[in-house]
Amino acid sequence: MSNNNTAERNRFEGGVPRHIAIVMDGNGRWARARFMPRHAGHRAGVSSVRKVVETAGELGVEVLTLFAFSSENWDRPAEEVSVLMDLLLRTLQKESARLHEHNVRIRLIGERSRLSLRLRQEIAAAEELTASNTGLTLVIAASFGGRWDLLQAARQVAEDVQSGLLSADELDEQRFSGYLSLGGLPDPDLLIRTGGEQRVSNFLLWHLAYAELHFVNTLWPDFGAEELKAAVENFGGRKRRFGRTEEQAERLSRA
């Protein structure tokens, strides 16, 4: 093995996250700094998505969740919303086959009823095409909000209790997690937010309880493979205790 490859391997000896979640922020500011319309920044951001997905797969990340469009983004100017929805549609149409060839499984979470019929059909087709893939799971959060997710889960729990399918005494954290949009997937180990802001912005509120947070000033269209690797390297140096003492955590990590 070359010295370069050895250095790259040693860079992640602290461990690679099973699940990385990313708030892709800064497209509009990237475009404004270049005297370009906001939609140019969103289009430039697609290239970063491609680089990050490829790099996550190479690193052995199991799940990558990208915050593409939030519940609150519906309040943006209609023209920008239209551009974002069209961009999501065209990206799925263009990238689904390539992702399938690379064994990537696609999954969308969010309030689908607010999406156009054509986009819902494209999402369903991409999910069906890649359903049996066993590599990286790419989760796209579109029309998604953490509070919406908790509310829809609570409603489903209430319906199941009312219908007799579930007893209130049976409800615990693990069972409740199954009602949430990421049911069946591990919680994110690492949250990355680009663009300099330091907040979770109504993202995966339940699931981020013990995630490591990594904020960078880099605007999303400038975020690529090396920036992702730097975030993973930083993650490897964190001490994750999950409420335990440092001694307890160390004993568990050695077990």
C-alpha atoms as a PDB file:
ATOM      1  CA  MET A   1       0.000   0.000   0.000  1.00  0.00           C
ATOM      2  CA  SER A   2       1.358   3.470  -0.870  1.00  0.00           C
ATOM      3  CA  ASN A   3       2.170   6.024   1.802  1.00  0.00           C
ATOM      4  CA  ASN A   4      -0.722   8.168   0.567  1.00  0.00           C
ATOM      5  CA  ASN A   5      -3.217   5.333   0.952  1.00  0.00           C
ATOM      6  CA  THR A   6      -1.864   4.472   4.406  1.00  0.00           C
ATOM      7  CA  ALA A   7      -2.247   8.091   5.523  1.00  0.00           C
ATOM      8  CA  GLU A   8      -5.798   8.167   4.189  1.00  0.00           C
ATOM      9  CA  ARG A   9      -6.659   4.979   6.070  1.00  0.00           C
ATOM     10  CA  ASN A  10      -5.063   6.205   9.313  1.00  0.00           C
ATOM     11  CA  ARG A  11      -7.022   9.422   9.025  1.00  0.00           C
ATOM     12  CA  PHE A  12     -10.208   7.565  10.016  1.00  0.00           C
ATOM     13  CA  GLU A  13      -8.892   5.193  12.667  1.00  0.00           C
ATOM     14  CA  GLY A  14     -11.232   6.857  15.161  1.00  0.00           C
ATOM     15  CA  GLY A  15     -14.164   5.377  13.265  1.00  0.00           C
ATOM     16  CA  VAL A  16     -16.542   6.294  10.435  1.00  0.00           C
ATOM     17  CA  PRO A  17     -20.125   7.255  11.331  1.00  0.00           C
ATOM     18  CA  ARG A  18     -22.787   4.735  10.379  1.00  0.00           C
ATOM     19  CA  HIS A  19     -25.201   7.561   9.580  1.00  0.00           C
ATOM     20  CA  ILE A  20     -24.377  11.119   8.491  1.00  0.00           C
ATOM     21  CA  ALA A  21     -27.073  13.802   8.197  1.00  0.00           C
ATOM     22  CA  ILE A  22     -26.368  17.059   6.365  1.00  0.00           C
ATOM     23  CA  VAL A  23     -28.135  20.427   6.312  1.00  0.00           C
ATOM     24  CA  MET A  24     -27.061  21.734   2.904  1.00  0.00           C
ATOM     25  CA  ASP A  25     -27.009  25.479   3.506  1.00  0.00           C
ATOM     26  CA  GLY A  26     -25.552  28.400   1.582  1.00  0.00           C
ATOM     27  CA  ASN A  27     -26.679  27.956  -2.025  1.00  0.00           C
ATOM     28  CA  GLY A  28     -28.317  31.380  -2.195  1.00  0.00           C
ATOM     29  CA  ARG A  29     -25.350  33.184  -0.636  1.00  0.00           C
ATOM     30  CA  TRP A  30     -22.978  31.343  -2.974  1.00  0.00           C
ATOM     31  CA  ALA A  31     -24.948  32.648  -5.960  1.00  0.00           C
ATOM     32  CA  ARG A  32     -25.301  36.173  -4.560  1.00  0.00           C
ATOM     33  CA  ALA A  33     -21.529  36.440  -4.050  1.00  0.00           C
ATOM     34  CA  ARG A  34     -21.160  35.743  -7.773  1.00  0.00           C
ATOM     35  CA  PHE A  35     -23.956  38.166  -8.809  1.00  0.00           C
ATOM     36  CA  MET A  36     -26.027  35.224  -9.993  1.00  0.00           C
ATOM     37  CA  PRO A  37     -29.702  34.375  -9.334  1.00  0.00           C
ATOM     38  CA  ARG A  38     -30.441  32.120  -6.355  1.00  0.00           C
ATOM     39  CA  HIS A  39     -31.439  29.192  -8.561  1.00  0.00           C
ATOM     40  CA  ALA A  40     -27.885  29.110  -9.939  1.00  0.00           C
ATOM     41  CA  GLY A  41     -26.672  28.298  -6.437  1.00  0.00           C
ATOM     42  CA  HIS A  42     -29.198  25.495  -6.065  1.00  0.00           C
ATOM     43  CA  ARG A  43     -28.096  24.005  -9.377  1.00  0.00           C
ATOM     44  CA  ALA A  44     -24.438  24.280  -8.397  1.00  0.00           C
ATOM     45  CA  GLY A  45     -25.271  22.454  -5.172  1.00  0.00           C
ATOM     46  CA  VAL A  46     -26.271  19.324  -7.111  1.00  0.00           C
ATOM     47  CA  SER A  47     -22.609  18.741  -7.989  1.00  0.00           C
ATOM     48  CA  SER A  48     -21.766  18.768  -4.276  1.00  0.00           C
ATOM     49  CA  VAL A  49     -24.508  16.213  -3.614  1.00  0.00           C
ATOM     50  CA  ARG A  50     -22.950  13.905  -6.177  1.00  0.00           C
ATOM     51  CA  LYS A  51     -19.453  14.252  -4.673  1.00  0.00           C
ATOM     52  CA  VAL A  52     -20.685  13.731  -1.110  1.00  0.00           C
ATOM     53  CA  VAL A  53     -22.752  10.654  -2.004  1.00  0.00           C
ATOM     54  CA  GLU A  54     -19.783   9.078  -3.799  1.00  0.00           C
ATOM     55  CA  THR A  55     -17.398   9.859  -0.948  1.00  0.00           C
ATOM     56  CA  ALA A  56     -19.785   8.594   1.739  1.00  0.00           C
ATOM     57  CA  GLY A  57     -20.075   5.310  -0.113  1.00  0.00           C
ATOM     58  CA  GLU A  58     -16.282   5.028  -0.437  1.00  0.00           C
ATOM     59  CA  LEU A  59     -15.842   5.652   3.296  1.00  0.00           C
ATOM     60  CA  GLY A  60     -18.293   2.905   4.220  1.00  0.00           C
ATOM     61  CA  VAL A  61     -21.053   5.148   5.580  1.00  0.00           C
ATOM     62  CA  GLU A  62     -24.282   3.126   5.803  1.00  0.00           C
ATOM     63  CA  VAL A  63     -26.829   5.966   5.667  1.00  0.00           C
ATOM     64  CA  LEU A  64     -26.595   9.516   4.313  1.00  0.00           C
ATOM     65  CA  THR A  65     -29.545  11.837   4.938  1.00  0.00           C
ATOM     66  CA  LEU A  66     -29.682  15.135   3.034  1.00  0.00           C
ATOM     67  CA  PHE A  67     -32.023  17.969   4.025  1.00  0.00           C
ATOM     68  CA  ALA A  68     -33.147  19.040   0.557  1.00  0.00           C
ATOM     69  CA  PHE A  69     -36.322  21.028   1.298  1.00  0.00           C
ATOM     70  CA  SER A  70     -37.870  21.810   4.673  1.00  0.00           C
ATOM     71  CA  SER A  71     -41.487  22.293   5.702  1.00  0.00           C
ATOM     72  CA  GLU A  72     -40.675  25.984   6.159  1.00  0.00           C
ATOM     73  CA  ASN A  73     -39.194  26.298   2.659  1.00  0.00           C
ATOM     74  CA  TRP A  74     -42.731  26.273   1.250  1.00  0.00           C
ATOM     75  CA  ASP A  75     -42.934  29.891   2.472  1.00  0.00           C
ATOM     76  CA  ARG A  76     -40.171  30.985   0.097  1.00  0.00           C
ATOM     77  CA  PRO A  77     -41.066  32.908  -3.097  1.00  0.00           C
ATOM     78  CA  ALA A  78     -43.157  30.758  -5.434  1.00  0.00           C
ATOM     79  CA  GLU A  79     -40.599  31.029  -8.229  1.00  0.00           C
ATOM     80  CA  GLU A  80     -37.805  29.666  -6.021  1.00  0.00           C
ATOM     81  CA  VAL A  81     -40.006  26.820  -4.739  1.00  0.00           C
ATOM     82  CA  SER A  82     -40.848  25.907  -8.327  1.00  0.00           C
ATOM     83  CA  VAL A  83     -37.154  25.849  -9.269  1.00  0.00           C
ATOM     84  CA  LEU A  84     -36.301  23.651  -6.273  1.00  0.00           C
ATOM     85  CA  MET A  85     -39.085  21.173  -7.022  1.00  0.00           C
ATOM     86  CA  ASP A  86     -38.098  21.005 -10.695  1.00  0.00           C
ATOM     87  CA  LEU A  87     -34.461  20.517  -9.704  1.00  0.00           C
ATOM     88  CA  LEU A  88     -35.368  17.643  -7.385  1.00  0.00           C
ATOM     89  CA  LEU A  89     -37.438  16.031 -10.141  1.00  0.00           C
ATOM     90  CA  ARG A  90     -34.742  16.367 -12.793  1.00  0.00           C
ATOM     91  CA  THR A  91     -32.012  15.174 -10.434  1.00  0.00           C
ATOM     92  CA  LEU A  92     -33.972  12.027  -9.600  1.00  0.00           C
ATOM     93  CA  GLN A  93     -34.610  11.389 -13.287  1.00  0.00           C
ATOM     94  CA  LYS A  94     -30.933  11.857 -14.135  1.00  0.00           C
ATOM     95  CA  GLU A  95     -29.264  10.201 -11.156  1.00  0.00           C
ATOM     96  CA  SER A  96     -31.499   7.270 -10.144  1.00  0.00           C
ATOM     97  CA  ALA A  97     -30.112   4.832 -12.719  1.00  0.00           C
ATOM     98  CA  ARG A  98     -26.509   5.767 -11.896  1.00  0.00           C
ATOM     99  CA  LEU A  99     -27.122   5.387  -8.165  1.00  0.00           C
ATOM    100  CA  HIS A 100     -28.742   2.027  -8.810  1.00  0.00           C
ATOM    101  CA  GLU A 101     -25.645   0.883 -10.705  1.00  0.00           C
ATOM    102  CA  HIS A 102     -23.589   1.778  -7.626  1.00  0.00           C
ATOM    103  CA  ASN A 103     -25.854  -0.266  -5.313  1.00  0.00           C
ATOM    104  CA  VAL A 104     -27.297   2.841  -3.594  1.00  0.00           C
ATOM    105  CA  ARG A 105     -30.783   2.590  -2.087  1.00  0.00           C
ATOM    106  CA  ILE A 106     -32.907   5.744  -2.375  1.00  0.00           C
ATOM    107  CA  ARG A 107     -35.498   6.693   0.234  1.00  0.00           C
ATOM    108  CA  LEU A 108     -37.490   9.910   0.576  1.00  0.00           C
ATOM    109  CA  ILE A 109     -38.935  11.215   3.828  1.00  0.00           C
ATOM    110  CA  GLY A 110     -41.354  14.103   4.169  1.00  0.00           C
ATOM    111  CA  GLU A 111     -44.938  15.199   3.615  1.00  0.00           C
ATOM    112  CA  ARG A 112     -45.455  13.802   0.120  1.00  0.00           C
ATOM    113  CA  SER A 113     -49.009  15.096  -0.215  1.00  0.00           C
ATOM    114  CA  ARG A 114     -47.598  18.591  -0.803  1.00  0.00           C
ATOM    115  CA  LEU A 115     -45.428  17.420  -3.697  1.00  0.00           C
ATOM    116  CA  SER A 116     -46.653  17.327  -7.291  1.00  0.00           C
ATOM    117  CA  LEU A 117     -48.058  14.079  -8.653  1.00  0.00           C
ATOM    118  CA  ARG A 118     -45.232  13.863 -11.184  1.00  0.00           C
ATOM    119  CA  LEU A 119     -42.595  14.240  -8.477  1.00  0.00           C
ATOM    120  CA  ARG A 120     -44.304  11.669  -6.249  1.00  0.00           C
ATOM    121  CA  GLN A 121     -44.333   9.233  -9.164  1.00  0.00           C
ATOM    122  CA  GLU A 122     -40.621   9.806  -9.825  1.00  0.00           C
ATOM    123  CA  ILE A 123     -39.824   9.272  -6.148  1.00  0.00           C
ATOM    124  CA  ALA A 124     -41.808   6.038  -6.061  1.00  0.00           C
ATOM    125  CA  ALA A 125     -40.039   4.822  -9.213  1.00  0.00           C
ATOM    126  CA  ALA A 126     -36.583   5.595  -7.770  1.00  0.00           C
ATOM    127  CA  GLU A 127     -37.420   3.865  -4.493  1.00  0.00           C
ATOM    128  CA  GLU A 128     -38.764   0.800  -6.278  1.00  0.00           C
ATOM    129  CA  LEU A 129     -35.769   0.618  -8.632  1.00  0.00           C
ATOM    130  CA  THR A 130     -33.253   0.690  -5.781  1.00  0.00           C
ATOM    131  CA  ALA A 131     -35.230  -1.109  -3.053  1.00  0.00           C
ATOM    132  CA  SER A 132     -33.075  -4.246  -3.085  1.00  0.00           C
ATOM    133  CA  ASN A 133     -29.723  -2.480  -3.120  1.00  0.00           C
ATOM    134  CA  THR A 134     -27.428  -3.215  -0.198  1.00  0.00           C
ATOM    135  CA  GLY A 135     -24.910  -0.371  -0.317  1.00  0.00           C
ATOM    136  CA  LEU A 136     -25.320   3.180   0.934  1.00  0.00           C
ATOM    137  CA  THR A 137     -28.882   4.218   1.814  1.00  0.00           C
ATOM    138  CA  LEU A 138     -29.440   7.756   0.518  1.00  0.00           C
ATOM    139  CA  VAL A 139     -32.296   9.453   2.375  1.00  0.00           C
ATOM    140  CA  ILE A 140     -33.652  12.649   0.831  1.00  0.00           C
ATOM    141  CA  ALA A 141     -35.653  14.824   3.235  1.00  0.00           C
ATOM    142  CA  ALA A 142     -38.050  16.901   1.130  1.00  0.00           C
ATOM    143  CA  SER A 143     -41.084  18.763   2.459  1.00  0.00           C
ATOM    144  CA  PHE A 144     -39.780  17.552   5.798  1.00  0.00           C
ATOM    145  CA  GLY A 145     -39.791  18.996   9.289  1.00  0.00           C
ATOM    146  CA  GLY A 146     -38.866  17.423  12.605  1.00  0.00           C
ATOM    147  CA  ARG A 147     -42.020  18.684  14.294  1.00  0.00           C
ATOM    148  CA  TRP A 148     -44.163  17.367  11.440  1.00  0.00           C
ATOM    149  CA  ASP A 149     -42.459  14.000  11.797  1.00  0.00           C
ATOM    150  CA  LEU A 150     -43.163  13.819  15.540  1.00  0.00           C
ATOM    151  CA  LEU A 151     -46.757  14.918  15.032  1.00  0.00           C
ATOM    152  CA  GLN A 152     -47.525  12.383  12.300  1.00  0.00           C
ATOM    153  CA  ALA A 153     -45.954   9.650  14.461  1.00  0.00           C
ATOM    154  CA  ALA A 154     -48.047  10.682  17.472  1.00  0.00           C
ATOM    155  CA  ARG A 155     -51.197  10.563  15.363  1.00  0.00           C
ATOM    156  CA  GLN A 156     -50.377   7.064  14.123  1.00  0.00           C
ATOM    157  CA  VAL A 157     -49.684   5.910  17.670  1.00  0.00           C
ATOM    158  CA  ALA A 158     -53.019   7.343  18.827  1.00  0.00           C
ATOM    159  CA  GLU A 159     -54.845   5.599  15.987  1.00  0.00           C
ATOM    160  CA  ASP A 160     -53.191   2.263  16.798  1.00  0.00           C
ATOM    161  CA  VAL A 161     -54.011   2.590  20.494  1.00  0.00           C
ATOM    162  CA  GLN A 162     -57.597   3.528  19.691  1.00  0.00           C
ATOM    163  CA  SER A 163     -57.995   0.578  17.323  1.00  0.00           C
ATOM    164  CA  GLY A 164     -56.455  -1.863  19.805  1.00  0.00           C
ATOM    165  CA  LEU A 165     -53.333  -2.597  17.747  1.00  0.00           C
ATOM    166  CA  LEU A 166     -51.132  -1.084  20.458  1.00  0.00           C
ATOM    167  CA  SER A 167     -51.389  -0.721  24.206  1.00  0.00           C
ATOM    168  CA  ALA A 168     -50.139   2.533  25.713  1.00  0.00           C
ATOM    169  CA  ASP A 169     -48.084   0.442  28.156  1.00  0.00           C
ATOM    170  CA  GLU A 170     -46.226  -1.141  25.223  1.00  0.00           C
ATOM    171  CA  LEU A 171     -44.994   2.203  23.914  1.00  0.00           C
ATOM    172  CA  ASP A 172     -41.296   2.808  24.543  1.00  0.00           C
ATOM    173  CA  GLU A 173     -38.577   4.730  22.703  1.00  0.00           C
ATOM    174  CA  GLN A 174     -37.722   1.878  20.359  1.00  0.00           C
ATOM    175  CA  ARG A 175     -41.334   1.252  19.369  1.00  0.00           C
ATOM    176  CA  PHE A 176     -42.047   4.970  18.943  1.00  0.00           C
ATOM    177  CA  SER A 177     -38.997   5.344  16.691  1.00  0.00           C
ATOM    178  CA  GLY A 178     -40.618   2.873  14.327  1.00  0.00           C
ATOM    179  CA  TYR A 179     -43.432   5.350  13.700  1.00  0.00           C
ATOM    180  CA  LEU A 180     -41.013   8.084  12.613  1.00  0.00           C
ATOM    181  CA  SER A 181     -39.890   8.673   9.040  1.00  0.00           C
ATOM    182  CA  LEU A 182     -36.471   7.072   9.590  1.00  0.00           C
ATOM    183  CA  GLY A 183     -37.981   3.935  11.095  1.00  0.00           C
ATOM    184  CA  GLY A 184     -35.680   0.944  10.619  1.00  0.00           C
ATOM    185  CA  LEU A 185     -32.529   3.063  10.173  1.00  0.00           C
ATOM    186  CA  PRO A 186     -29.900   3.938  12.790  1.00  0.00           C
ATOM    187  CA  ASP A 187     -29.965   7.441  14.254  1.00  0.00           C
ATOM    188  CA  PRO A 188     -27.448   9.886  12.784  1.00  0.00           C
ATOM    189  CA  ASP A 189     -24.044   9.749  14.459  1.00  0.00           C
ATOM    190  CA  LEU A 190     -22.916  12.985  12.839  1.00  0.00           C
ATOM    191  CA  LEU A 191     -24.808  16.113  11.761  1.00  0.00           C
ATOM    192  CA  ILE A 192     -23.008  18.443   9.372  1.00  0.00           C
ATOM    193  CA  ARG A 193     -24.321  21.900   8.588  1.00  0.00           C
ATOM    194  CA  THR A 194     -22.649  24.039   5.944  1.00  0.00           C
ATOM    195  CA  GLY A 195     -22.972  27.788   5.455  1.00  0.00           C
ATOM    196  CA  GLY A 196     -21.877  29.015   8.881  1.00  0.00           C
ATOM    197  CA  GLU A 197     -25.190  28.765  10.732  1.00  0.00           C
ATOM    198  CA  GLN A 198     -25.204  26.771  13.986  1.00  0.00           C
ATOM    199  CA  ARG A 199     -28.682  25.351  14.479  1.00  0.00           C
ATOM    200  CA  VAL A 200     -30.603  22.206  13.483  1.00  0.00           C
ATOM    201  CA  SER A 201     -33.495  24.119  11.845  1.00  0.00           C
ATOM    202  CA  ASN A 202     -36.290  21.661  12.606  1.00  0.00           C
ATOM    203  CA  PHE A 203     -34.418  18.746  11.037  1.00  0.00           C
ATOM    204  CA  LEU A 204     -34.352  15.290  12.664  1.00  0.00           C
ATOM    205  CA  LEU A 205     -35.376  16.474  16.141  1.00  0.00           C
ATOM    206  CA  TRP A 206     -35.871  13.031  17.723  1.00  0.00           C
ATOM    207  CA  HIS A 207     -32.947  11.378  15.995  1.00  0.00           C
ATOM    208  CA  LEU A 208     -30.292  14.015  16.722  1.00  0.00           C
ATOM    209  CA  ALA A 209     -30.487  13.514  20.493  1.00  0.00           C
ATOM    210  CA  TYR A 210     -26.920  12.141  20.670  1.00  0.00           C
ATOM    211  CA  ALA A 211     -25.519  13.120  17.276  1.00  0.00           C
ATOM    212  CA  GLU A 212     -22.158  14.860  17.107  1.00  0.00           C
ATOM    213  CA  LEU A 213     -22.585  18.338  15.577  1.00  0.00           C
ATOM    214  CA  HIS A 214     -20.149  19.707  13.010  1.00  0.00           C
ATOM    215  CA  PHE A 215     -20.663  23.254  11.696  1.00  0.00           C
ATOM    216  CA  VAL A 216     -18.573  24.675   8.851  1.00  0.00           C
ATOM    217  CA  ASN A 217     -18.525  28.069   7.135  1.00  0.00           C
ATOM    218  CA  THR A 218     -18.162  26.474   3.697  1.00  0.00           C
ATOM    219  CA  LEU A 219     -21.172  27.187   1.496  1.00  0.00           C
ATOM    220  CA  TRP A 220     -22.797  24.038   0.172  1.00  0.00           C
ATOM    221  CA  PRO A 221     -21.724  24.358  -3.511  1.00  0.00           C
ATOM    222  CA  ASP A 222     -18.101  24.488  -2.286  1.00  0.00           C
ATOM    223  CA  PHE A 223     -18.459  21.445  -0.020  1.00  0.00           C
ATOM    224  CA  GLY A 224     -16.952  18.284  -1.482  1.00  0.00           C
ATOM    225  CA  ALA A 225     -15.014  15.109  -0.777  1.00  0.00           C
ATOM    226  CA  GLU A 226     -12.230  16.665   1.292  1.00  0.00           C
ATOM    227  CA  GLU A 227     -14.663  18.663   3.425  1.00  0.00           C
ATOM    228  CA  LEU A 228     -16.660  15.511   4.161  1.00  0.00           C
ATOM    229  CA  LYS A 229     -13.500  13.580   5.023  1.00  0.00           C
ATOM    230  CA  ALA A 230     -12.427  16.396   7.370  1.00  0.00           C
ATOM    231  CA  ALA A 231     -15.797  16.184   9.152  1.00  0.00           C
ATOM    232  CA  VAL A 232     -15.466  12.398   9.506  1.00  0.00           C
ATOM    233  CA  GLU A 233     -11.913  12.796  10.784  1.00  0.00           C
ATOM    234  CA  ASN A 234     -13.156  15.303  13.361  1.00  0.00           C
ATOM    235  CA  PHE A 235     -15.919  12.880  14.361  1.00  0.00           C
ATOM    236  CA  GLY A 236     -13.328  10.172  14.992  1.00  0.00           C
ATOM    237  CA  GLY A 237     -11.710  12.320  17.655  1.00  0.00           C
ATOM    238  CA  ARG A 238     -14.916  12.871  19.650  1.00  0.00           C
ATOM    239  CA  LYS A 239     -15.598  10.993  22.909  1.00  0.00           C
ATOM    240  CA  ARG A 240     -19.181   9.696  22.789  1.00  0.00           C
ATOM    241  CA  ARG A 241     -20.376   8.790  26.284  1.00  0.00           C
ATOM    242  CA  PHE A 242     -24.183   8.691  25.879  1.00  0.00           C
ATOM    243  CA  GLY A 243     -24.681   9.832  29.471  1.00  0.00           C
ATOM    244  CA  ARG A 244     -22.091   7.453  30.939  1.00  0.00           C
ATOM    245  CA  THR A 245     -18.837   8.351  32.639  1.00  0.00           C
ATOM    246  CA  GLU A 246     -15.704   8.419  30.511  1.00  0.00           C
ATOM    247  CA  GLU A 247     -14.474   5.244  32.203  1.00  0.00           C
ATOM    248  CA  GLN A 248     -17.714   3.408  31.463  1.00  0.00           C
ATOM    249  CA  ALA A 249     -17.656   4.554  27.840  1.00  0.00           C
ATOM    250  CA  GLU A 250     -14.074   3.365  27.402  1.00  0.00           C
ATOM    251  CA  ARG A 251     -14.893  -0.072  28.835  1.00  0.00           C
ATOM    252  CA  LEU A 252     -17.853  -0.416  26.467  1.00  0.00           C
ATOM    253  CA  SER A 253     -15.774   0.625  23.463  1.00  0.00           C
ATOM    254  CA  ARG A 254     -13.231  -2.097  24.287  1.00  0.00           C
ATOM    255  CA  ALA A 255     -15.860  -4.805  24.804  1.00  0.00           C
END
